[in-house]
Amino acid sequence: FSMAASTWPRPGAPNHLRGFFFQRRQGKIDWRKLGRVNLHALVAQVNVEVLNDNVDHVTFADITEDDISSMNAETTLKLIRLMQLIIEYLLNMQNHLLALGDAGKQREEKWA
């Protein structure tokens, strides 16, 4: 499976997707940086700075079969859990932004 850059936006794509495309994966995961992540502390402290600090190298790395086969179960689990926390945080932010948009629409309707 090759993660070549996508050809979005396609004609007729919804407005919110017009500028979006999947980027080419490049570089490697920073395994040392990943190793320094303390998932228990991250969760206990809701330390989104750690998530922000790791999102780029996790998201855009070109992870190969060789990378996966050389990882032990503990490292694999840590990477998956970090990815889950990043996704959870991004979903929370998406919901927050949607709520802000809804509140703005309600204010506009009230004053219209």
N, C-alpha and C. Protein backbone atom coordinates (compact mmCIF):
# COMPACT_ATOMS: atom_id res chain seq x y z
N PHE A 1 0.85 -1.18 0.00
CA PHE A 1 0.00 0.00 0.00
C PHE A 1 0.88 1.23 0.00
N SER A 2 0.73 2.02 -1.00
CA SER A 2 1.54 3.23 -1.11
C SER A 2 0.69 4.44 -0.78
N MET A 3 1.24 5.32 0.03
CA MET A 3 0.51 6.52 0.43
C MET A 3 0.94 7.70 -0.43
N ALA A 4 0.68 7.61 -1.72
CA ALA A 4 0.98 8.74 -2.60
C ALA A 4 -0.01 9.86 -2.30
N ALA A 5 0.37 11.06 -2.61
CA ALA A 5 -0.51 12.20 -2.38
C ALA A 5 -1.79 12.01 -3.18
N SER A 6 -2.91 12.39 -2.59
CA SER A 6 -4.19 12.23 -3.26
C SER A 6 -4.42 13.35 -4.26
N THR A 7 -5.44 13.19 -5.06
CA THR A 7 -5.76 14.18 -6.08
C THR A 7 -6.98 15.00 -5.70
N TRP A 8 -7.30 15.07 -4.44
CA TRP A 8 -8.40 15.93 -4.00
C TRP A 8 -8.02 17.37 -4.24
N PRO A 9 -8.90 18.26 -4.37
CA PRO A 9 -10.34 18.02 -4.31
C PRO A 9 -10.89 17.57 -5.65
N ARG A 10 -11.81 16.71 -5.60
CA ARG A 10 -12.50 16.26 -6.80
C ARG A 10 -13.60 17.27 -7.13
N PRO A 11 -13.93 17.40 -8.40
CA PRO A 11 -15.05 18.29 -8.75
C PRO A 11 -16.32 17.86 -8.01
N GLY A 12 -17.02 18.81 -7.48
CA GLY A 12 -18.25 18.52 -6.75
C GLY A 12 -18.02 18.16 -5.29
N ALA A 13 -16.78 18.24 -4.82
CA ALA A 13 -16.50 17.93 -3.41
C ALA A 13 -17.18 18.97 -2.53
N PRO A 14 -17.63 18.56 -1.34
CA PRO A 14 -18.23 19.53 -0.42
C PRO A 14 -17.25 20.67 -0.13
N ASN A 15 -17.78 21.83 0.17
CA ASN A 15 -16.93 23.01 0.40
C ASN A 15 -15.86 22.77 1.45
N HIS A 16 -16.21 22.07 2.53
CA HIS A 16 -15.23 21.89 3.60
C HIS A 16 -14.08 20.96 3.20
N LEU A 17 -14.19 20.29 2.06
CA LEU A 17 -13.11 19.42 1.59
C LEU A 17 -12.35 19.99 0.40
N ARG A 18 -12.74 21.13 -0.07
CA ARG A 18 -12.14 21.66 -1.30
C ARG A 18 -10.63 21.89 -1.19
N GLY A 19 -10.13 22.28 -0.06
CA GLY A 19 -8.70 22.51 0.08
C GLY A 19 -7.95 21.34 0.71
N PHE A 20 -8.66 20.26 1.00
CA PHE A 20 -8.04 19.14 1.70
C PHE A 20 -7.52 18.09 0.73
N PHE A 21 -6.37 17.52 1.07
CA PHE A 21 -5.85 16.37 0.35
C PHE A 21 -4.96 15.59 1.30
N PHE A 22 -4.83 14.30 1.04
CA PHE A 22 -3.93 13.47 1.84
C PHE A 22 -2.52 13.68 1.33
N GLN A 23 -1.64 14.00 2.25
CA GLN A 23 -0.26 14.29 1.88
C GLN A 23 0.55 13.00 1.75
N ARG A 24 1.61 13.11 0.99
CA ARG A 24 2.55 12.00 0.85
C ARG A 24 3.23 11.77 2.20
N ARG A 25 3.37 10.52 2.58
CA ARG A 25 4.06 10.17 3.82
C ARG A 25 5.56 10.23 3.56
N GLN A 26 6.28 10.83 4.48
CA GLN A 26 7.73 10.92 4.31
C GLN A 26 8.40 10.97 5.67
N GLY A 27 9.63 10.59 5.70
CA GLY A 27 10.35 10.57 6.96
C GLY A 27 9.97 9.37 7.80
N LYS A 28 10.51 9.34 8.97
CA LYS A 28 10.29 8.22 9.87
C LYS A 28 9.73 8.71 11.19
N ILE A 29 9.11 7.82 11.90
CA ILE A 29 8.67 8.13 13.26
C ILE A 29 9.91 8.37 14.10
N ASP A 30 9.84 9.35 14.95
CA ASP A 30 10.93 9.63 15.87
C ASP A 30 10.76 8.70 17.07
N TRP A 31 11.41 7.54 17.00
CA TRP A 31 11.23 6.51 18.01
C TRP A 31 11.72 6.96 19.38
N ARG A 32 12.75 7.78 19.41
CA ARG A 32 13.24 8.30 20.70
C ARG A 32 12.20 9.21 21.33
N LYS A 33 11.61 10.07 20.51
CA LYS A 33 10.57 10.97 21.01
C LYS A 33 9.38 10.15 21.51
N LEU A 34 9.00 9.16 20.74
CA LEU A 34 7.90 8.28 21.16
C LEU A 34 8.24 7.59 22.47
N GLY A 35 9.48 7.15 22.60
CA GLY A 35 9.91 6.47 23.81
C GLY A 35 9.84 7.35 25.05
N ARG A 36 9.98 8.66 24.87
CA ARG A 36 9.92 9.58 26.01
C ARG A 36 8.49 9.91 26.44
N VAL A 37 7.52 9.55 25.63
CA VAL A 37 6.13 9.85 25.98
C VAL A 37 5.69 8.94 27.12
N ASN A 38 5.18 9.56 28.17
CA ASN A 38 4.62 8.83 29.30
C ASN A 38 3.10 8.91 29.16
N LEU A 39 2.50 7.85 28.64
CA LEU A 39 1.07 7.87 28.37
C LEU A 39 0.24 8.06 29.63
N HIS A 40 0.66 7.44 30.72
CA HIS A 40 -0.11 7.58 31.97
C HIS A 40 -0.12 9.03 32.44
N ALA A 41 1.03 9.68 32.40
CA ALA A 41 1.10 11.09 32.81
C ALA A 41 0.34 11.97 31.83
N LEU A 42 0.46 11.68 30.55
CA LEU A 42 -0.25 12.45 29.53
C LEU A 42 -1.75 12.44 29.81
N VAL A 43 -2.30 11.26 30.07
CA VAL A 43 -3.73 11.12 30.33
C VAL A 43 -4.10 11.77 31.66
N ALA A 44 -3.33 11.50 32.70
CA ALA A 44 -3.65 12.03 34.03
C ALA A 44 -3.63 13.56 34.05
N GLN A 45 -2.70 14.14 33.31
CA GLN A 45 -2.53 15.59 33.30
C GLN A 45 -3.25 16.26 32.13
N VAL A 46 -3.90 15.47 31.29
CA VAL A 46 -4.53 15.97 30.06
C VAL A 46 -3.53 16.90 29.35
N ASN A 47 -2.35 16.36 29.11
CA ASN A 47 -1.25 17.14 28.56
C ASN A 47 -1.31 17.16 27.03
N VAL A 48 -2.11 18.07 26.50
CA VAL A 48 -2.27 18.14 25.05
C VAL A 48 -1.01 18.67 24.36
N GLU A 49 -0.13 19.30 25.12
CA GLU A 49 1.14 19.75 24.53
C GLU A 49 1.95 18.56 24.04
N VAL A 50 1.92 17.46 24.77
CA VAL A 50 2.62 16.25 24.34
C VAL A 50 2.00 15.72 23.05
N LEU A 51 0.67 15.77 22.97
CA LEU A 51 0.01 15.35 21.73
C LEU A 51 0.43 16.24 20.57
N ASN A 52 0.37 17.54 20.79
CA ASN A 52 0.76 18.49 19.73
C ASN A 52 2.21 18.30 19.32
N ASP A 53 3.06 17.96 20.28
CA ASP A 53 4.48 17.78 20.00
C ASP A 53 4.75 16.52 19.18
N ASN A 54 3.82 15.57 19.20
CA ASN A 54 4.04 14.29 18.52
C ASN A 54 3.17 14.09 17.29
N VAL A 55 2.21 14.94 17.08
CA VAL A 55 1.24 14.70 16.01
C VAL A 55 1.89 14.67 14.63
N ASP A 56 2.82 15.54 14.35
CA ASP A 56 3.40 15.60 13.00
C ASP A 56 4.21 14.35 12.66
N HIS A 57 5.12 13.96 13.54
CA HIS A 57 5.96 12.82 13.17
C HIS A 57 5.17 11.52 13.17
N VAL A 58 4.09 11.45 13.92
CA VAL A 58 3.25 10.25 13.90
C VAL A 58 2.35 10.26 12.66
N THR A 59 1.78 11.40 12.35
CA THR A 59 0.82 11.50 11.25
C THR A 59 1.48 11.36 9.88
N PHE A 60 2.60 12.00 9.69
CA PHE A 60 3.16 12.09 8.35
C PHE A 60 4.33 11.14 8.08
N ALA A 61 4.68 10.32 9.05
CA ALA A 61 5.77 9.36 8.86
C ALA A 61 5.38 8.31 7.83
N ASP A 62 6.36 7.89 7.09
CA ASP A 62 6.18 6.79 6.14
C ASP A 62 6.49 5.49 6.89
N ILE A 63 5.47 4.92 7.50
CA ILE A 63 5.65 3.71 8.30
C ILE A 63 5.62 2.51 7.35
N THR A 64 6.68 1.74 7.38
CA THR A 64 6.82 0.60 6.47
C THR A 64 6.61 -0.71 7.22
N GLU A 65 6.49 -1.78 6.44
CA GLU A 65 6.38 -3.11 7.05
C GLU A 65 7.62 -3.42 7.88
N ASP A 66 8.78 -2.98 7.41
CA ASP A 66 10.01 -3.19 8.18
C ASP A 66 9.94 -2.50 9.54
N ASP A 67 9.37 -1.29 9.56
CA ASP A 67 9.21 -0.58 10.83
C ASP A 67 8.34 -1.40 11.78
N ILE A 68 7.24 -1.88 11.27
CA ILE A 68 6.29 -2.63 12.09
C ILE A 68 6.92 -3.93 12.58
N SER A 69 7.60 -4.63 11.69
CA SER A 69 8.17 -5.92 12.08
C SER A 69 9.30 -5.78 13.09
N SER A 70 9.94 -4.60 13.12
CA SER A 70 11.03 -4.41 14.07
C SER A 70 10.55 -3.88 15.42
N MET A 71 9.28 -3.51 15.52
CA MET A 71 8.75 -2.99 16.79
C MET A 71 8.33 -4.14 17.69
N ASN A 72 8.60 -3.98 18.98
CA ASN A 72 8.09 -4.98 19.91
C ASN A 72 6.64 -4.63 20.25
N ALA A 73 5.96 -5.52 20.92
CA ALA A 73 4.54 -5.33 21.22
C ALA A 73 4.31 -4.08 22.06
N GLU A 74 5.19 -3.80 22.99
CA GLU A 74 5.04 -2.63 23.86
C GLU A 74 5.11 -1.33 23.06
N THR A 75 6.05 -1.24 22.14
CA THR A 75 6.19 -0.04 21.32
C THR A 75 5.00 0.11 20.38
N THR A 76 4.57 -1.00 19.80
CA THR A 76 3.41 -0.97 18.91
C THR A 76 2.18 -0.48 19.66
N LEU A 77 1.96 -1.02 20.84
CA LEU A 77 0.81 -0.62 21.65
C LEU A 77 0.90 0.86 22.04
N LYS A 78 2.09 1.31 22.38
CA LYS A 78 2.28 2.71 22.75
C LYS A 78 1.95 3.63 21.57
N LEU A 79 2.41 3.26 20.38
CA LEU A 79 2.13 4.05 19.19
C LEU A 79 0.63 4.09 18.91
N ILE A 80 -0.02 2.95 19.00
CA ILE A 80 -1.47 2.91 18.74
C ILE A 80 -2.22 3.73 19.78
N ARG A 81 -1.84 3.61 21.04
CA ARG A 81 -2.53 4.39 22.08
C ARG A 81 -2.29 5.89 21.91
N LEU A 82 -1.08 6.27 21.52
CA LEU A 82 -0.82 7.68 21.27
C LEU A 82 -1.67 8.17 20.10
N MET A 83 -1.78 7.36 19.06
CA MET A 83 -2.63 7.73 17.92
C MET A 83 -4.08 7.88 18.36
N GLN A 84 -4.55 6.98 19.22
CA GLN A 84 -5.92 7.07 19.72
C GLN A 84 -6.14 8.36 20.49
N LEU A 85 -5.18 8.73 21.33
CA LEU A 85 -5.31 9.96 22.11
C LEU A 85 -5.29 11.19 21.21
N ILE A 86 -4.46 11.16 20.18
CA ILE A 86 -4.42 12.27 19.23
C ILE A 86 -5.77 12.39 18.53
N ILE A 87 -6.31 11.28 18.07
CA ILE A 87 -7.61 11.30 17.39
C ILE A 87 -8.70 11.78 18.34
N GLU A 88 -8.68 11.29 19.57
CA GLU A 88 -9.69 11.72 20.55
C GLU A 88 -9.62 13.23 20.77
N TYR A 89 -8.42 13.75 20.90
CA TYR A 89 -8.24 15.19 21.09
C TYR A 89 -8.75 15.96 19.87
N LEU A 90 -8.42 15.49 18.68
CA LEU A 90 -8.86 16.17 17.47
C LEU A 90 -10.39 16.12 17.32
N LEU A 91 -11.00 15.00 17.70
CA LEU A 91 -12.46 14.92 17.68
C LEU A 91 -13.07 15.91 18.67
N ASN A 92 -12.45 16.03 19.83
CA ASN A 92 -12.93 16.99 20.82
C ASN A 92 -12.84 18.41 20.27
N MET A 93 -11.72 18.72 19.62
CA MET A 93 -11.55 20.06 19.05
C MET A 93 -12.56 20.30 17.92
N GLN A 94 -12.82 19.28 17.12
CA GLN A 94 -13.81 19.41 16.05
C GLN A 94 -15.18 19.71 16.65
N ASN A 95 -15.56 18.98 17.68
CA ASN A 95 -16.85 19.21 18.33
C ASN A 95 -16.92 20.61 18.94
N HIS A 96 -15.81 21.05 19.52
CA HIS A 96 -15.75 22.40 20.10
C HIS A 96 -15.96 23.45 19.01
N LEU A 97 -15.28 23.29 17.89
CA LEU A 97 -15.42 24.25 16.79
C LEU A 97 -16.83 24.23 16.20
N LEU A 98 -17.42 23.05 16.10
CA LEU A 98 -18.80 22.96 15.61
C LEU A 98 -19.76 23.68 16.57
N ALA A 99 -19.53 23.51 17.86
CA ALA A 99 -20.38 24.18 18.85
C ALA A 99 -20.21 25.69 18.76
N LEU A 100 -18.99 26.16 18.55
CA LEU A 100 -18.76 27.59 18.38
C LEU A 100 -19.49 28.11 17.14
N GLY A 101 -19.44 27.33 16.07
CA GLY A 101 -20.14 27.72 14.85
C GLY A 101 -21.64 27.78 15.06
N ASP A 102 -22.18 26.80 15.77
CA ASP A 102 -23.62 26.79 16.06
C ASP A 102 -24.01 27.99 16.92
N ALA A 103 -23.18 28.30 17.91
CA ALA A 103 -23.46 29.45 18.78
C ALA A 103 -23.43 30.74 17.97
N GLY A 104 -22.49 30.84 17.05
CA GLY A 104 -22.41 32.03 16.20
C GLY A 104 -23.63 32.17 15.31
N LYS A 105 -24.10 31.06 14.76
CA LYS A 105 -25.30 31.09 13.93
C LYS A 105 -26.51 31.53 14.75
N GLN A 106 -26.60 31.03 15.98
CA GLN A 106 -27.73 31.40 16.84
C GLN A 106 -27.70 32.89 17.15
N ARG A 107 -26.51 33.44 17.39
CA ARG A 107 -26.40 34.88 17.65
C ARG A 107 -26.82 35.68 16.41
N GLU A 108 -26.39 35.22 15.24
CA GLU A 108 -26.75 35.91 14.00
C GLU A 108 -28.26 35.89 13.80
N GLU A 109 -28.88 34.73 14.05
CA GLU A 109 -30.33 34.62 13.88
C GLU A 109 -31.07 35.50 14.88
N LYS A 110 -30.53 35.60 16.07
CA LYS A 110 -31.15 36.42 17.11
C LYS A 110 -31.15 37.89 16.71
N TRP A 111 -30.07 38.33 16.08
CA TRP A 111 -29.93 39.74 15.73
C TRP A 111 -30.45 40.05 14.33
N ALA A 112 -30.85 39.04 13.59
CA ALA A 112 -31.33 39.27 12.21
C ALA A 112 -32.77 39.73 12.19
